[in-house]
Protein backbone atom coordinates (compact mmCIF):
# COMPACT_ATOMS: atom_id res chain seq x y z
CA MET A 1 108.96 63.19 68.99
CA LYS A 2 109.57 61.85 72.50
CA PRO A 3 110.75 64.37 75.27
CA GLU A 4 114.17 63.76 76.70
CA ASN A 5 114.35 62.15 80.03
CA VAL A 6 117.03 64.41 81.43
CA ALA A 7 116.73 66.19 84.79
CA VAL A 8 116.14 69.96 84.66
CA ALA A 9 119.33 70.44 86.77
CA GLN A 10 121.43 69.15 83.65
CA ASP A 11 120.22 72.06 81.51
CA PRO A 12 122.97 74.69 81.16
CA THR A 13 120.39 77.46 80.85
CA VAL A 14 118.91 76.44 84.10
CA GLN A 15 122.36 76.19 85.68
CA ARG A 16 123.08 79.73 84.55
CA HIS A 17 119.90 81.12 86.00
CA LEU A 18 120.50 79.44 89.28
CA GLY A 19 124.04 80.64 89.31
CA GLY A 20 122.94 84.27 88.94
CA LEU A 21 120.24 83.85 91.51
CA VAL A 22 122.54 82.41 94.10
CA VAL A 23 124.87 85.40 93.68
CA HIS A 24 121.95 87.88 94.13
CA LEU A 25 120.62 86.00 97.17
CA ASP A 26 124.01 86.12 98.68
CA ALA A 27 124.27 89.82 98.18
CA ALA A 28 120.83 90.37 99.67
CA ARG A 29 121.87 88.34 102.79
CA LEU A 30 125.17 90.32 103.16
CA VAL A 31 123.09 93.64 103.15
CA LEU A 32 120.69 92.24 105.65
CA ARG A 33 123.50 91.04 107.85
CA ASP A 34 125.15 94.42 107.67
CA ALA A 35 122.09 96.07 108.63
CA ALA A 36 121.60 93.81 111.58
CA ALA A 37 125.21 94.27 112.71
CA GLY A 38 124.93 98.10 112.53
CA TRP A 39 121.47 98.31 114.09
CA PRO A 40 122.40 98.43 117.75
CA THR A 41 124.82 101.45 117.49
CA ALA A 42 122.96 103.37 114.64
CA GLY A 43 120.98 106.56 115.15
CA VAL A 44 117.42 107.00 113.80
CA ALA A 45 118.48 108.13 110.29
CA GLU A 46 121.10 105.55 109.98
CA ARG A 47 118.60 102.80 111.05
CA GLY A 48 116.19 104.13 108.42
CA ASN A 49 118.95 103.81 105.71
CA LEU A 50 120.01 100.33 106.88
CA ALA A 51 116.33 99.21 106.81
CA ASN A 52 115.62 100.65 103.44
CA ARG A 53 118.76 99.06 101.93
CA ALA A 54 117.94 95.74 103.28
CA LYS A 55 114.25 95.85 102.27
CA LEU A 56 114.84 97.30 98.83
CA LEU A 57 117.45 94.71 97.84
CA GLY A 58 115.57 91.88 99.50
CA THR A 59 112.41 92.79 97.69
CA GLU A 60 114.11 93.16 94.37
CA VAL A 61 115.94 89.81 94.73
CA GLY A 62 112.81 88.12 96.10
CA LEU A 63 110.96 89.16 92.85
CA GLU A 64 113.81 88.11 90.64
CA VAL A 65 114.17 84.75 92.20
CA THR A 66 110.54 83.80 92.29
CA SER A 67 109.91 85.27 88.72
CA LYS A 68 112.92 83.21 87.37
CA CYS A 69 111.76 80.00 89.25
CA ILE A 70 108.27 80.36 87.55
CA GLN A 71 110.06 80.88 84.27
CA VAL A 72 112.32 77.87 84.60
CA VAL A 73 109.43 75.46 85.61
CA GLY A 74 107.04 76.78 83.03
CA GLY A 75 103.34 77.81 83.32
CA ARG A 76 102.66 75.33 86.02
CA GLY A 77 104.77 77.36 88.34
CA ALA A 78 102.10 80.02 88.39
CA TYR A 79 99.52 77.47 89.78
CA ARG A 80 98.40 77.99 93.39
CA ASP A 81 99.40 74.37 94.12
CA TYR A 82 103.09 75.35 93.83
CA PRO A 83 104.79 77.28 96.67
CA VAL A 84 106.75 79.49 94.30
CA GLU A 85 103.36 81.11 93.17
CA ARG A 86 102.69 82.17 96.69
CA ALA A 87 106.27 83.38 97.16
CA PHE A 88 105.99 85.53 94.06
CA ARG A 89 102.73 86.99 95.18
CA ASP A 90 104.09 87.81 98.56
CA ALA A 91 107.31 89.36 97.05
CA ARG A 92 105.18 91.48 94.67
CA THR A 93 103.02 92.65 97.39
CA ALA A 94 105.97 93.78 99.40
CA THR A 95 106.56 96.40 96.73
CA LEU A 96 103.30 97.98 97.43
CA MET A 97 103.72 98.28 101.21
CA PRO A 98 105.22 101.59 102.70
CA PRO A 99 107.77 102.52 102.21
CA THR A 100 107.37 101.88 98.44
CA MET A 101 110.42 100.91 96.30
CA ASP A 102 110.64 104.34 94.89
CA ARG A 103 110.58 105.96 98.31
CA MET A 104 113.28 103.67 99.68
CA ALA A 105 115.52 104.33 96.62
CA GLU A 106 114.98 108.04 96.97
CA LEU A 107 115.86 107.99 100.65
CA ILE A 108 118.97 105.80 100.06
CA GLY A 109 120.02 108.28 97.21
CA LYS A 110 119.58 111.13 99.67
CA SER A 111 121.72 109.65 102.14
CA ALA A 112 124.44 108.84 99.62
CA LEU A 113 124.32 112.47 98.58
CA GLY A 114 124.52 113.69 102.15
CA LEU A 115 121.06 115.18 102.09
CA THR A 116 119.09 114.94 105.29
CA GLU A 117 116.50 117.59 104.93
CA GLY A 118 113.04 116.02 104.77
CA MET A 119 114.30 112.52 105.24
CA PHE A 120 111.74 111.58 107.82
CA ARG A 121 108.18 112.61 108.51
CA ILE A 122 107.37 112.72 112.19
CA SER A 123 103.62 112.80 112.90
CA GLY A 124 102.40 114.79 115.74
CA ALA A 125 105.25 117.30 115.69
CA PRO A 126 104.22 120.83 116.69
CA GLY A 127 103.43 122.99 113.60
CA ASP A 128 104.49 121.01 110.53
CA ALA A 129 104.23 117.24 110.00
CA THR A 130 107.72 117.16 108.45
CA ALA A 131 110.87 117.22 110.35
CA THR A 132 114.65 116.70 110.00
């Protein structure tokens, strides 16, 4: 059987995947812009929350987008010759760099609950290594 000579962009499944990814990328951009807009007037704790929110969502969306791109183009998308493979590895590695995804989610949750105790660890503080 001869394969169809139809552009991948004409596939409704690809269109649905792309539509969802566009919305998630837009959401990540909005959170990043919000963080940047609030940064100049934010205190230390608020800056931490702004940064955590932007990094957490950006990393999650980056993983989703690159993973979906590899899925859409098939196995060849995982070849080192294709830029999406590198983007996926970079996004995946970002999940391992401090603060980790779990730590960022925890801190965002504490902030949402109004809990500030133990939010930040300040090295070199007299006595204990944890403060505020």
